[in-house]
Amino acid sequence: MNIVVVDDDPAIVTMCRKVLGEQGHQVQGFTSTSEALAHLAAGPNADLLVVDYKMPELNGIEFIQRAWQLQPKLRVVMITAHGSRELQGQAAETGVHGLVLKPFTPTELTRSVDTAFGR
């Protein structure tokens, strides 16, 4: 799969790229929502977006909505340190396929990606 990871924490982006890359996926990582949107607008279609909820430019929900305007078939896994019921409901209403709470393990990340694709 072609996966795009967006988180303002470079360590999270690096970890996700490593874990998902070891699973055989092609992974692009970004710490800026504007750079990630430019990539989605110009690049090949992505299969999955792994995106943090709390970022400086746009929050995860706002980013996802803009990403879907560019690539409507993207599946989405949101990662967050703020796993309130309100956010879980908002993510589900938006159409997010999975929510992973920080800190997370490589297994939790992999499981969420698999779940997003019904595996």
PDB file of N, CA and C in Angstrom:
ATOM      1  N   MET A   1       0.820  -1.181   0.000  1.00  0.00           N
ATOM      2  CA  MET A   1       0.000   0.000   0.000  1.00  0.00           C
ATOM      3  C   MET A   1       0.868   1.251   0.000  1.00  0.00           C
ATOM      4  N   ASN A   2       0.304   2.317  -0.495  1.00  0.00           N
ATOM      5  CA  ASN A   2       0.931   3.625  -0.462  1.00  0.00           C
ATOM      6  C   ASN A   2       0.306   4.380   0.716  1.00  0.00           C
ATOM      7  N   ILE A   3       1.104   4.666   1.737  1.00  0.00           N
ATOM      8  CA  ILE A   3       0.612   5.274   2.973  1.00  0.00           C
ATOM      9  C   ILE A   3       1.263   6.632   3.178  1.00  0.00           C
ATOM     10  N   VAL A   4       0.454   7.606   3.593  1.00  0.00           N
ATOM     11  CA  VAL A   4       0.948   8.940   3.939  1.00  0.00           C
ATOM     12  C   VAL A   4       0.745   9.136   5.435  1.00  0.00           C
ATOM     13  N   VAL A   5       1.827   9.478   6.140  1.00  0.00           N
ATOM     14  CA  VAL A   5       1.795   9.722   7.585  1.00  0.00           C
ATOM     15  C   VAL A   5       1.984  11.213   7.818  1.00  0.00           C
ATOM     16  N   VAL A   6       1.099  11.812   8.642  1.00  0.00           N
ATOM     17  CA  VAL A   6       1.183  13.241   8.935  1.00  0.00           C
ATOM     18  C   VAL A   6       1.078  13.444  10.446  1.00  0.00           C
ATOM     19  N   ASP A   7       2.143  13.947  11.036  1.00  0.00           N
ATOM     20  CA  ASP A   7       2.174  14.250  12.469  1.00  0.00           C
ATOM     21  C   ASP A   7       3.216  15.339  12.670  1.00  0.00           C
ATOM     22  N   ASP A   8       2.930  16.310  13.523  1.00  0.00           N
ATOM     23  CA  ASP A   8       3.903  17.383  13.732  1.00  0.00           C
ATOM     24  C   ASP A   8       5.089  16.944  14.582  1.00  0.00           C
ATOM     25  N   ASP A   9       5.052  15.736  15.109  1.00  0.00           N
ATOM     26  CA  ASP A   9       6.164  15.186  15.887  1.00  0.00           C
ATOM     27  C   ASP A   9       7.021  14.306  14.964  1.00  0.00           C
ATOM     28  N   PRO A  10       8.232  14.741  14.636  1.00  0.00           N
ATOM     29  CA  PRO A  10       9.080  13.964  13.726  1.00  0.00           C
ATOM     30  C   PRO A  10       9.361  12.541  14.217  1.00  0.00           C
ATOM     31  N   ALA A  11       9.417  12.337  15.520  1.00  0.00           N
ATOM     32  CA  ALA A  11       9.673  10.994  16.051  1.00  0.00           C
ATOM     33  C   ALA A  11       8.520  10.042  15.728  1.00  0.00           C
ATOM     34  N   ILE A  12       7.297  10.529  15.779  1.00  0.00           N
ATOM     35  CA  ILE A  12       6.131   9.703  15.438  1.00  0.00           C
ATOM     36  C   ILE A  12       6.159   9.365  13.946  1.00  0.00           C
ATOM     37  N   VAL A  13       6.467  10.358  13.125  1.00  0.00           N
ATOM     38  CA  VAL A  13       6.541  10.118  11.675  1.00  0.00           C
ATOM     39  C   VAL A  13       7.602   9.071  11.379  1.00  0.00           C
ATOM     40  N   THR A  14       8.762   9.191  11.997  1.00  0.00           N
ATOM     41  CA  THR A  14       9.850   8.236  11.783  1.00  0.00           C
ATOM     42  C   THR A  14       9.445   6.833  12.218  1.00  0.00           C
ATOM     43  N   MET A  15       8.835   6.728  13.385  1.00  0.00           N
ATOM     44  CA  MET A  15       8.412   5.414  13.886  1.00  0.00           C
ATOM     45  C   MET A  15       7.372   4.776  12.956  1.00  0.00           C
ATOM     46  N   CYS A  16       6.389   5.556  12.537  1.00  0.00           N
ATOM     47  CA  CYS A  16       5.356   5.028  11.637  1.00  0.00           C
ATOM     48  C   CYS A  16       5.957   4.591  10.305  1.00  0.00           C
ATOM     49  N   ARG A  17       6.870   5.401   9.763  1.00  0.00           N
ATOM     50  CA  ARG A  17       7.512   5.033   8.499  1.00  0.00           C
ATOM     51  C   ARG A  17       8.281   3.722   8.640  1.00  0.00           C
ATOM     52  N   LYS A  18       8.987   3.568   9.756  1.00  0.00           N
ATOM     53  CA  LYS A  18       9.774   2.358   9.989  1.00  0.00           C
ATOM     54  C   LYS A  18       8.865   1.137  10.117  1.00  0.00           C
ATOM     55  N   VAL A  19       7.861   1.234  10.982  1.00  0.00           N
ATOM     56  CA  VAL A  19       6.970   0.097  11.249  1.00  0.00           C
ATOM     57  C   VAL A  19       6.203  -0.302   9.988  1.00  0.00           C
ATOM     58  N   LEU A  20       5.609   0.668   9.324  1.00  0.00           N
ATOM     59  CA  LEU A  20       4.797   0.353   8.144  1.00  0.00           C
ATOM     60  C   LEU A  20       5.672  -0.036   6.951  1.00  0.00           C
ATOM     61  N   GLY A  21       6.856   0.560   6.855  1.00  0.00           N
ATOM     62  CA  GLY A  21       7.797   0.166   5.803  1.00  0.00           C
ATOM     63  C   GLY A  21       8.250  -1.272   5.955  1.00  0.00           C
ATOM     64  N   GLU A  22       8.455  -1.702   7.198  1.00  0.00           N
ATOM     65  CA  GLU A  22       8.851  -3.094   7.457  1.00  0.00           C
ATOM     66  C   GLU A  22       7.737  -4.069   7.096  1.00  0.00           C
ATOM     67  N   GLN A  23       6.513  -3.574   7.002  1.00  0.00           N
ATOM     68  CA  GLN A  23       5.377  -4.406   6.593  1.00  0.00           C
ATOM     69  C   GLN A  23       5.250  -4.474   5.068  1.00  0.00           C
ATOM     70  N   GLY A  24       6.162  -3.780   4.377  1.00  0.00           N
ATOM     71  CA  GLY A  24       6.165  -3.816   2.920  1.00  0.00           C
ATOM     72  C   GLY A  24       5.440  -2.656   2.252  1.00  0.00           C
ATOM     73  N   HIS A  25       4.990  -1.679   3.028  1.00  0.00           N
ATOM     74  CA  HIS A  25       4.268  -0.545   2.470  1.00  0.00           C
ATOM     75  C   HIS A  25       5.231   0.549   2.013  1.00  0.00           C
ATOM     76  N   GLN A  26       4.798   1.319   1.034  1.00  0.00           N
ATOM     77  CA  GLN A  26       5.511   2.527   0.624  1.00  0.00           C
ATOM     78  C   GLN A  26       4.972   3.647   1.512  1.00  0.00           C
ATOM     79  N   VAL A  27       5.843   4.314   2.256  1.00  0.00           N
ATOM     80  CA  VAL A  27       5.388   5.298   3.240  1.00  0.00           C
ATOM     81  C   VAL A  27       6.075   6.643   3.013  1.00  0.00           C
ATOM     82  N   GLN A  28       5.253   7.685   2.909  1.00  0.00           N
ATOM     83  CA  GLN A  28       5.730   9.064   2.851  1.00  0.00           C
ATOM     84  C   GLN A  28       5.351   9.712   4.171  1.00  0.00           C
ATOM     85  N   GLY A  29       6.256  10.460   4.775  1.00  0.00           N
ATOM     86  CA  GLY A  29       5.983  11.095   6.053  1.00  0.00           C
ATOM     87  C   GLY A  29       6.120  12.605   5.983  1.00  0.00           C
ATOM     88  N   PHE A  30       5.246  13.303   6.705  1.00  0.00           N
ATOM     89  CA  PHE A  30       5.235  14.754   6.713  1.00  0.00           C
ATOM     90  C   PHE A  30       4.979  15.274   8.118  1.00  0.00           C
ATOM     91  N   THR A  31       5.642  16.372   8.472  1.00  0.00           N
ATOM     92  CA  THR A  31       5.385  17.034   9.746  1.00  0.00           C
ATOM     93  C   THR A  31       4.571  18.308   9.536  1.00  0.00           C
ATOM     94  N   SER A  32       4.214  18.602   8.326  1.00  0.00           N
ATOM     95  CA  SER A  32       3.439  19.793   7.969  1.00  0.00           C
ATOM     96  C   SER A  32       2.208  19.385   7.169  1.00  0.00           C
ATOM     97  N   THR A  33       1.038  19.874   7.592  1.00  0.00           N
ATOM     98  CA  THR A  33      -0.178  19.543   6.850  1.00  0.00           C
ATOM     99  C   THR A  33      -0.167  20.164   5.455  1.00  0.00           C
ATOM    100  N   SER A  34       0.400  21.349   5.308  1.00  0.00           N
ATOM    101  CA  SER A  34       0.426  21.974   3.986  1.00  0.00           C
ATOM    102  C   SER A  34       1.313  21.181   3.019  1.00  0.00           C
ATOM    103  N   GLU A  35       2.440  20.672   3.501  1.00  0.00           N
ATOM    104  CA  GLU A  35       3.305  19.847   2.651  1.00  0.00           C
ATOM    105  C   GLU A  35       2.616  18.528   2.292  1.00  0.00           C
ATOM    106  N   ALA A  36       1.921  17.949   3.248  1.00  0.00           N
ATOM    107  CA  ALA A  36       1.211  16.694   2.991  1.00  0.00           C
ATOM    108  C   ALA A  36       0.092  16.899   1.972  1.00  0.00           C
ATOM    109  N   LEU A  37      -0.639  18.002   2.085  1.00  0.00           N
ATOM    110  CA  LEU A  37      -1.703  18.283   1.109  1.00  0.00           C
ATOM    111  C   LEU A  37      -1.117  18.513  -0.282  1.00  0.00           C
ATOM    112  N   ALA A  38       0.014  19.197  -0.359  1.00  0.00           N
ATOM    113  CA  ALA A  38       0.671  19.408  -1.655  1.00  0.00           C
ATOM    114  C   ALA A  38       1.079  18.063  -2.261  1.00  0.00           C
ATOM    115  N   HIS A  39       1.585  17.155  -1.434  1.00  0.00           N
ATOM    116  CA  HIS A  39       1.959  15.820  -1.902  1.00  0.00           C
ATOM    117  C   HIS A  39       0.729  15.076  -2.424  1.00  0.00           C
ATOM    118  N   LEU A  40      -0.363  15.133  -1.674  1.00  0.00           N
ATOM    119  CA  LEU A  40      -1.585  14.437  -2.097  1.00  0.00           C
ATOM    120  C   LEU A  40      -2.145  15.031  -3.384  1.00  0.00           C
ATOM    121  N   ALA A  41      -1.990  16.335  -3.571  1.00  0.00           N
ATOM    122  CA  ALA A  41      -2.483  16.991  -4.785  1.00  0.00           C
ATOM    123  C   ALA A  41      -1.649  16.628  -6.003  1.00  0.00           C
ATOM    124  N   ALA A  42      -0.341  16.443  -5.795  1.00  0.00           N
ATOM    125  CA  ALA A  42       0.565  16.236  -6.922  1.00  0.00           C
ATOM    126  C   ALA A  42       0.977  14.791  -7.131  1.00  0.00           C
ATOM    127  N   GLY A  43       0.934  14.016  -6.061  1.00  0.00           N
ATOM    128  CA  GLY A  43       1.507  12.683  -6.112  1.00  0.00           C
ATOM    129  C   GLY A  43       0.544  11.629  -6.600  1.00  0.00           C
ATOM    130  N   PRO A  44       1.018  10.395  -6.624  1.00  0.00           N
ATOM    131  CA  PRO A  44       0.138   9.283  -6.968  1.00  0.00           C
ATOM    132  C   PRO A  44      -0.902   9.095  -5.870  1.00  0.00           C
ATOM    133  N   ASN A  45      -1.966   8.407  -6.210  1.00  0.00           N
ATOM    134  CA  ASN A  45      -3.004   8.164  -5.221  1.00  0.00           C
ATOM    135  C   ASN A  45      -2.458   7.373  -4.051  1.00  0.00           C
ATOM    136  N   ALA A  46      -2.819   7.792  -2.862  1.00  0.00           N
ATOM    137  CA  ALA A  46      -2.462   7.062  -1.651  1.00  0.00           C
ATOM    138  C   ALA A  46      -3.614   6.132  -1.301  1.00  0.00           C
ATOM    139  N   ASP A  47      -3.291   5.061  -0.583  1.00  0.00           N
ATOM    140  CA  ASP A  47      -4.323   4.125  -0.128  1.00  0.00           C
ATOM    141  C   ASP A  47      -4.801   4.463   1.274  1.00  0.00           C
ATOM    142  N   LEU A  48      -3.869   4.959   2.090  1.00  0.00           N
ATOM    143  CA  LEU A  48      -4.166   5.172   3.499  1.00  0.00           C
ATOM    144  C   LEU A  48      -3.469   6.422   4.002  1.00  0.00           C
ATOM    145  N   LEU A  49      -4.163   7.121   4.888  1.00  0.00           N
ATOM    146  CA  LEU A  49      -3.633   8.294   5.564  1.00  0.00           C
ATOM    147  C   LEU A  49      -3.597   7.988   7.050  1.00  0.00           C
ATOM    148  N   VAL A  50      -2.425   8.159   7.667  1.00  0.00           N
ATOM    149  CA  VAL A  50      -2.278   8.057   9.120  1.00  0.00           C
ATOM    150  C   VAL A  50      -1.999   9.473   9.590  1.00  0.00           C
ATOM    151  N   VAL A  51      -2.921  10.053  10.358  1.00  0.00           N
ATOM    152  CA  VAL A  51      -2.837  11.472  10.670  1.00  0.00           C
ATOM    153  C   VAL A  51      -3.089  11.740  12.148  1.00  0.00           C
ATOM    154  N   ASP A  52      -2.295  12.644  12.699  1.00  0.00           N
ATOM    155  CA  ASP A  52      -2.469  13.074  14.081  1.00  0.00           C
ATOM    156  C   ASP A  52      -3.668  14.016  14.161  1.00  0.00           C
ATOM    157  N   TYR A  53      -4.325  14.037  15.317  1.00  0.00           N
ATOM    158  CA  TYR A  53      -5.452  14.951  15.483  1.00  0.00           C
ATOM    159  C   TYR A  53      -4.981  16.372  15.764  1.00  0.00           C
ATOM    160  N   LYS A  54      -4.059  16.541  16.694  1.00  0.00           N
ATOM    161  CA  LYS A  54      -3.677  17.890  17.130  1.00  0.00           C
ATOM    162  C   LYS A  54      -2.376  18.313  16.450  1.00  0.00           C
ATOM    163  N   MET A  55      -2.517  19.244  15.494  1.00  0.00           N
ATOM    164  CA  MET A  55      -1.370  19.784  14.776  1.00  0.00           C
ATOM    165  C   MET A  55      -1.530  21.298  14.667  1.00  0.00           C
ATOM    166  N   PRO A  56      -0.441  22.023  14.450  1.00  0.00           N
ATOM    167  CA  PRO A  56      -0.510  23.481  14.478  1.00  0.00           C
ATOM    168  C   PRO A  56      -1.303  24.137  13.342  1.00  0.00           C
ATOM    169  N   GLU A  57      -1.199  23.629  12.127  1.00  0.00           N
ATOM    170  CA  GLU A  57      -1.842  24.303  10.993  1.00  0.00           C
ATOM    171  C   GLU A  57      -3.327  23.968  10.892  1.00  0.00           C
ATOM    172  N   LEU A  58      -3.635  22.699  10.901  1.00  0.00           N
ATOM    173  CA  LEU A  58      -5.006  22.183  10.826  1.00  0.00           C
ATOM    174  C   LEU A  58      -5.123  21.049  11.819  1.00  0.00           C
ATOM    175  N   ASN A  59      -6.314  20.863  12.385  1.00  0.00           N
ATOM    176  CA  ASN A  59      -6.454  19.650  13.192  1.00  0.00           C
ATOM    177  C   ASN A  59      -6.697  18.471  12.257  1.00  0.00           C
ATOM    178  N   GLY A  60      -6.631  17.280  12.795  1.00  0.00           N
ATOM    179  CA  GLY A  60      -6.745  16.083  11.968  1.00  0.00           C
ATOM    180  C   GLY A  60      -8.025  16.004  11.166  1.00  0.00           C
ATOM    181  N   ILE A  61      -9.152  16.394  11.764  1.00  0.00           N
ATOM    182  CA  ILE A  61     -10.445  16.342  11.062  1.00  0.00           C
ATOM    183  C   ILE A  61     -10.433  17.309   9.880  1.00  0.00           C
ATOM    184  N   GLU A  62      -9.957  18.527  10.097  1.00  0.00           N
ATOM    185  CA  GLU A  62      -9.880  19.508   9.010  1.00  0.00           C
ATOM    186  C   GLU A  62      -8.959  19.005   7.894  1.00  0.00           C
ATOM    187  N   PHE A  63      -7.830  18.420   8.291  1.00  0.00           N
ATOM    188  CA  PHE A  63      -6.891  17.899   7.305  1.00  0.00           C
ATOM    189  C   PHE A  63      -7.525  16.777   6.487  1.00  0.00           C
ATOM    190  N   ILE A  64      -8.194  15.860   7.163  1.00  0.00           N
ATOM    191  CA  ILE A  64      -8.832  14.730   6.477  1.00  0.00           C
ATOM    192  C   ILE A  64      -9.848  15.228   5.461  1.00  0.00           C
ATOM    193  N   GLN A  65     -10.655  16.190   5.845  1.00  0.00           N
ATOM    194  CA  GLN A  65     -11.663  16.714   4.923  1.00  0.00           C
ATOM    195  C   GLN A  65     -11.018  17.311   3.674  1.00  0.00           C
ATOM    196  N   ARG A  66      -9.917  18.022   3.835  1.00  0.00           N
ATOM    197  CA  ARG A  66      -9.210  18.585   2.676  1.00  0.00           C
ATOM    198  C   ARG A  66      -8.539  17.476   1.853  1.00  0.00           C
ATOM    199  N   ALA A  67      -7.984  16.480   2.539  1.00  0.00           N
ATOM    200  CA  ALA A  67      -7.343  15.362   1.836  1.00  0.00           C
ATOM    201  C   ALA A  67      -8.360  14.604   0.992  1.00  0.00           C
ATOM    202  N   TRP A  68      -9.567  14.416   1.522  1.00  0.00           N
ATOM    203  CA  TRP A  68     -10.606  13.707   0.767  1.00  0.00           C
ATOM    204  C   TRP A  68     -11.071  14.495  -0.456  1.00  0.00           C
ATOM    205  N   GLN A  69     -10.940  15.807  -0.435  1.00  0.00           N
ATOM    206  CA  GLN A  69     -11.249  16.590  -1.632  1.00  0.00           C
ATOM    207  C   GLN A  69     -10.255  16.272  -2.743  1.00  0.00           C
ATOM    208  N   LEU A  70      -9.029  15.942  -2.356  1.00  0.00           N
ATOM    209  CA  LEU A  70      -7.978  15.624  -3.324  1.00  0.00           C
ATOM    210  C   LEU A  70      -7.992  14.157  -3.728  1.00  0.00           C
ATOM    211  N   GLN A  71      -8.237  13.297  -2.755  1.00  0.00           N
ATOM    212  CA  GLN A  71      -8.226  11.853  -2.994  1.00  0.00           C
ATOM    213  C   GLN A  71      -9.377  11.219  -2.198  1.00  0.00           C
ATOM    214  N   PRO A  72     -10.563  11.177  -2.775  1.00  0.00           N
ATOM    215  CA  PRO A  72     -11.766  10.761  -2.038  1.00  0.00           C
ATOM    216  C   PRO A  72     -11.782   9.311  -1.544  1.00  0.00           C
ATOM    217  N   LYS A  73     -10.946   8.455  -2.091  1.00  0.00           N
ATOM    218  CA  LYS A  73     -10.981   7.045  -1.701  1.00  0.00           C
ATOM    219  C   LYS A  73     -10.009   6.691  -0.575  1.00  0.00           C
ATOM    220  N   LEU A  74      -9.326   7.698  -0.041  1.00  0.00           N
ATOM    221  CA  LEU A  74      -8.369   7.458   1.039  1.00  0.00           C
ATOM    222  C   LEU A  74      -9.047   6.834   2.260  1.00  0.00           C
ATOM    223  N   ARG A  75      -8.418   5.820   2.796  1.00  0.00           N
ATOM    224  CA  ARG A  75      -8.828   5.303   4.104  1.00  0.00           C
ATOM    225  C   ARG A  75      -7.993   6.041   5.134  1.00  0.00           C
ATOM    226  N   VAL A  76      -8.520   6.187   6.356  1.00  0.00           N
ATOM    227  CA  VAL A  76      -7.868   7.031   7.349  1.00  0.00           C
ATOM    228  C   VAL A  76      -7.791   6.365   8.711  1.00  0.00           C
ATOM    229  N   VAL A  77      -6.591   6.425   9.298  1.00  0.00           N
ATOM    230  CA  VAL A  77      -6.382   6.066  10.698  1.00  0.00           C
ATOM    231  C   VAL A  77      -5.898   7.329  11.393  1.00  0.00           C
ATOM    232  N   MET A  78      -6.599   7.725  12.448  1.00  0.00           N
ATOM    233  CA  MET A  78      -6.195   8.910  13.202  1.00  0.00           C
ATOM    234  C   MET A  78      -5.444   8.484  14.452  1.00  0.00           C
ATOM    235  N   ILE A  79      -4.368   9.213  14.759  1.00  0.00           N
ATOM    236  CA  ILE A  79      -3.627   8.974  15.989  1.00  0.00           C
ATOM    237  C   ILE A  79      -3.755  10.214  16.866  1.00  0.00           C
ATOM    238  N   THR A  80      -3.854   9.998  18.171  1.00  0.00           N
ATOM    239  CA  THR A  80      -4.053  11.129  19.066  1.00  0.00           C
ATOM    240  C   THR A  80      -3.686  10.803  20.500  1.00  0.00           C
ATOM    241  N   ALA A  81      -3.285  11.820  21.216  1.00  0.00           N
ATOM    242  CA  ALA A  81      -3.068  11.692  22.658  1.00  0.00           C
ATOM    243  C   ALA A  81      -4.313  12.156  23.405  1.00  0.00           C
ATOM    244  N   HIS A  82      -5.320  12.613  22.671  1.00  0.00           N
ATOM    245  CA  HIS A  82      -6.539  13.170  23.254  1.00  0.00           C
ATOM    246  C   HIS A  82      -7.735  12.315  22.857  1.00  0.00           C
ATOM    247  N   GLY A  83      -7.845  11.143  23.442  1.00  0.00           N
ATOM    248  CA  GLY A  83      -8.860  10.181  23.044  1.00  0.00           C
ATOM    249  C   GLY A  83     -10.187  10.325  23.750  1.00  0.00           C
ATOM    250  N   SER A  84     -10.746  11.509  23.779  1.00  0.00           N
ATOM    251  CA  SER A  84     -12.032  11.727  24.443  1.00  0.00           C
ATOM    252  C   SER A  84     -13.160  11.059  23.651  1.00  0.00           C
ATOM    253  N   ARG A  85     -14.250  10.841  24.332  1.00  0.00           N
ATOM    254  CA  ARG A  85     -15.434  10.284  23.651  1.00  0.00           C
ATOM    255  C   ARG A  85     -15.916  11.222  22.552  1.00  0.00           C
ATOM    256  N   GLU A  86     -15.808  12.516  22.805  1.00  0.00           N
ATOM    257  CA  GLU A  86     -16.222  13.500  21.808  1.00  0.00           C
ATOM    258  C   GLU A  86     -15.401  13.354  20.530  1.00  0.00           C
ATOM    259  N   LEU A  87     -14.081  13.219  20.671  1.00  0.00           N
ATOM    260  CA  LEU A  87     -13.220  13.056  19.501  1.00  0.00           C
ATOM    261  C   LEU A  87     -13.502  11.731  18.810  1.00  0.00           C
ATOM    262  N   GLN A  88     -13.704  10.675  19.579  1.00  0.00           N
ATOM    263  CA  GLN A  88     -14.022   9.378  18.979  1.00  0.00           C
ATOM    264  C   GLN A  88     -15.298   9.476  18.152  1.00  0.00           C
ATOM    265  N   GLY A  89     -16.308  10.162  18.686  1.00  0.00           N
ATOM    266  CA  GLY A  89     -17.560  10.344  17.953  1.00  0.00           C
ATOM    267  C   GLY A  89     -17.373  11.187  16.709  1.00  0.00           C
ATOM    268  N   GLN A  90     -16.602  12.272  16.838  1.00  0.00           N
ATOM    269  CA  GLN A  90     -16.346  13.149  15.705  1.00  0.00           C
ATOM    270  C   GLN A  90     -15.581  12.408  14.609  1.00  0.00           C
ATOM    271  N   ALA A  91     -14.609  11.612  15.006  1.00  0.00           N
ATOM    272  CA  ALA A  91     -13.834  10.833  14.032  1.00  0.00           C
ATOM    273  C   ALA A  91     -14.737   9.836  13.313  1.00  0.00           C
ATOM    274  N   ALA A  92     -15.586   9.152  14.065  1.00  0.00           N
ATOM    275  CA  ALA A  92     -16.499   8.181  13.456  1.00  0.00           C
ATOM    276  C   ALA A  92     -17.476   8.867  12.502  1.00  0.00           C
ATOM    277  N   GLU A  93     -18.014  10.015  12.910  1.00  0.00           N
ATOM    278  CA  GLU A  93     -18.942  10.758  12.050  1.00  0.00           C
ATOM    279  C   GLU A  93     -18.263  11.236  10.776  1.00  0.00           C
ATOM    280  N   THR A  94     -16.995  11.570  10.872  1.00  0.00           N
ATOM    281  CA  THR A  94     -16.243  12.044   9.708  1.00  0.00           C
ATOM    282  C   THR A  94     -15.973  10.905   8.730  1.00  0.00           C
ATOM    283  N   GLY A  95     -15.889   9.680   9.242  1.00  0.00           N
ATOM    284  CA  GLY A  95     -15.609   8.534   8.381  1.00  0.00           C
ATOM    285  C   GLY A  95     -14.231   7.946   8.570  1.00  0.00           C
ATOM    286  N   VAL A  96     -13.584   8.309   9.679  1.00  0.00           N
ATOM    287  CA  VAL A  96     -12.271   7.760   9.998  1.00  0.00           C
ATOM    288  C   VAL A  96     -12.422   6.258  10.239  1.00  0.00           C
ATOM    289  N   HIS A  97     -11.486   5.474   9.716  1.00  0.00           N
ATOM    290  CA  HIS A  97     -11.563   4.022   9.793  1.00  0.00           C
ATOM    291  C   HIS A  97     -10.932   3.429  11.044  1.00  0.00           C
ATOM    292  N   GLY A  98     -10.157   4.232  11.782  1.00  0.00           N
ATOM    293  CA  GLY A  98      -9.530   3.737  12.998  1.00  0.00           C
ATOM    294  C   GLY A  98      -8.965   4.883  13.812  1.00  0.00           C
ATOM    295  N   LEU A  99      -8.905   4.687  15.124  1.00  0.00           N
ATOM    296  CA  LEU A  99      -8.366   5.691  16.030  1.00  0.00           C
ATOM    297  C   LEU A  99      -7.377   4.992  16.950  1.00  0.00           C
ATOM    298  N   VAL A 100      -6.126   5.503  16.987  1.00  0.00           N
ATOM    299  CA  VAL A 100      -5.070   4.916  17.799  1.00  0.00           C
ATOM    300  C   VAL A 100      -4.635   5.951  18.825  1.00  0.00           C
ATOM    301  N   LEU A 101      -4.598   5.552  20.083  1.00  0.00           N
ATOM    302  CA  LEU A 101      -4.220   6.462  21.157  1.00  0.00           C
ATOM    303  C   LEU A 101      -2.721   6.430  21.397  1.00  0.00           C
ATOM    304  N   LYS A 102      -2.120   7.637  21.539  1.00  0.00           N
ATOM    305  CA  LYS A 102      -0.701   7.757  21.887  1.00  0.00           C
ATOM    306  C   LYS A 102      -0.551   7.584  23.387  1.00  0.00           C
ATOM    307  N   PRO A 103       0.506   7.014  23.851  1.00  0.00           N
ATOM    308  CA  PRO A 103       1.535   6.337  23.057  1.00  0.00           C
ATOM    309  C   PRO A 103       1.004   4.988  22.572  1.00  0.00           C
ATOM    310  N   PHE A 104       1.429   4.588  21.390  1.00  0.00           N
ATOM    311  CA  PHE A 104       0.966   3.324  20.823  1.00  0.00           C
ATOM    312  C   PHE A 104       2.158   2.453  20.467  1.00  0.00           C
ATOM    313  N   THR A 105       1.882   1.169  20.361  1.00  0.00           N
ATOM    314  CA  THR A 105       2.922   0.200  20.011  1.00  0.00           C
ATOM    315  C   THR A 105       2.897  -0.048  18.499  1.00  0.00           C
ATOM    316  N   PRO A 106       3.976  -0.585  17.959  1.00  0.00           N
ATOM    317  CA  PRO A 106       3.958  -0.959  16.552  1.00  0.00           C
ATOM    318  C   PRO A 106       2.810  -1.922  16.221  1.00  0.00           C
ATOM    319  N   THR A 107       2.519  -2.836  17.132  1.00  0.00           N
ATOM    320  CA  THR A 107       1.425  -3.787  16.912  1.00  0.00           C
ATOM    321  C   THR A 107       0.081  -3.070  16.819  1.00  0.00           C
ATOM    322  N   GLU A 108      -0.153  -2.086  17.679  1.00  0.00           N
ATOM    323  CA  GLU A 108      -1.410  -1.333  17.633  1.00  0.00           C
ATOM    324  C   GLU A 108      -1.544  -0.572  16.319  1.00  0.00           C
ATOM    325  N   LEU A 109      -0.447   0.012  15.857  1.00  0.00           N
ATOM    326  CA  LEU A 109      -0.474   0.726  14.585  1.00  0.00           C
ATOM    327  C   LEU A 109      -0.776  -0.231  13.432  1.00  0.00           C
ATOM    328  N   THR A 110      -0.072  -1.333  13.391  1.00  0.00           N
ATOM    329  CA  THR A 110      -0.278  -2.325  12.328  1.00  0.00           C
ATOM    330  C   THR A 110      -1.697  -2.872  12.339  1.00  0.00           C
ATOM    331  N   ARG A 111      -2.206  -3.149  13.525  1.00  0.00           N
ATOM    332  CA  ARG A 111      -3.567  -3.670  13.664  1.00  0.00           C
ATOM    333  C   ARG A 111      -4.588  -2.656  13.141  1.00  0.00           C
ATOM    334  N   SER A 112      -4.378  -1.383  13.447  1.00  0.00           N
ATOM    335  CA  SER A 112      -5.301  -0.353  12.968  1.00  0.00           C
ATOM    336  C   SER A 112      -5.281  -0.224  11.452  1.00  0.00           C
ATOM    337  N   VAL A 113      -4.103  -0.315  10.862  1.00  0.00           N
ATOM    338  CA  VAL A 113      -3.993  -0.273   9.400  1.00  0.00           C
ATOM    339  C   VAL A 113      -4.727  -1.468   8.801  1.00  0.00           C
ATOM    340  N   ASP A 114      -4.510  -2.655   9.361  1.00  0.00           N
ATOM    341  CA  ASP A 114      -5.200  -3.842   8.861  1.00  0.00           C
ATOM    342  C   ASP A 114      -6.709  -3.710   9.003  1.00  0.00           C
ATOM    343  N   THR A 115      -7.160  -3.179  10.127  1.00  0.00           N
ATOM    344  CA  THR A 115      -8.597  -2.998  10.372  1.00  0.00           C
ATOM    345  C   THR A 115      -9.199  -2.011   9.375  1.00  0.00           C
ATOM    346  N   ALA A 116      -8.457  -0.970   9.037  1.00  0.00           N
ATOM    347  CA  ALA A 116      -8.947   0.026   8.076  1.00  0.00           C
ATOM    348  C   ALA A 116      -9.255  -0.600   6.719  1.00  0.00           C
ATOM    349  N   PHE A 117      -8.598  -1.707   6.434  1.00  0.00           N
ATOM    350  CA  PHE A 117      -8.821  -2.416   5.175  1.00  0.00           C
ATOM    351  C   PHE A 117      -9.601  -3.711   5.349  1.00  0.00           C
ATOM    352  N   GLY A 118     -10.228  -3.874   6.512  1.00  0.00           N
ATOM    353  CA  GLY A 118     -11.083  -5.025   6.754  1.00  0.00           C
ATOM    354  C   GLY A 118     -10.355  -6.340   6.851  1.00  0.00           C
ATOM    355  N   ARG A 119      -9.089  -6.292   7.310  1.00  0.00           N
ATOM    356  CA  ARG A 119      -8.338  -7.544   7.448  1.00  0.00           C
ATOM    357  C   ARG A 119      -8.344  -7.999   8.880  1.00  0.00           C
TER     358      ARG A 119
END
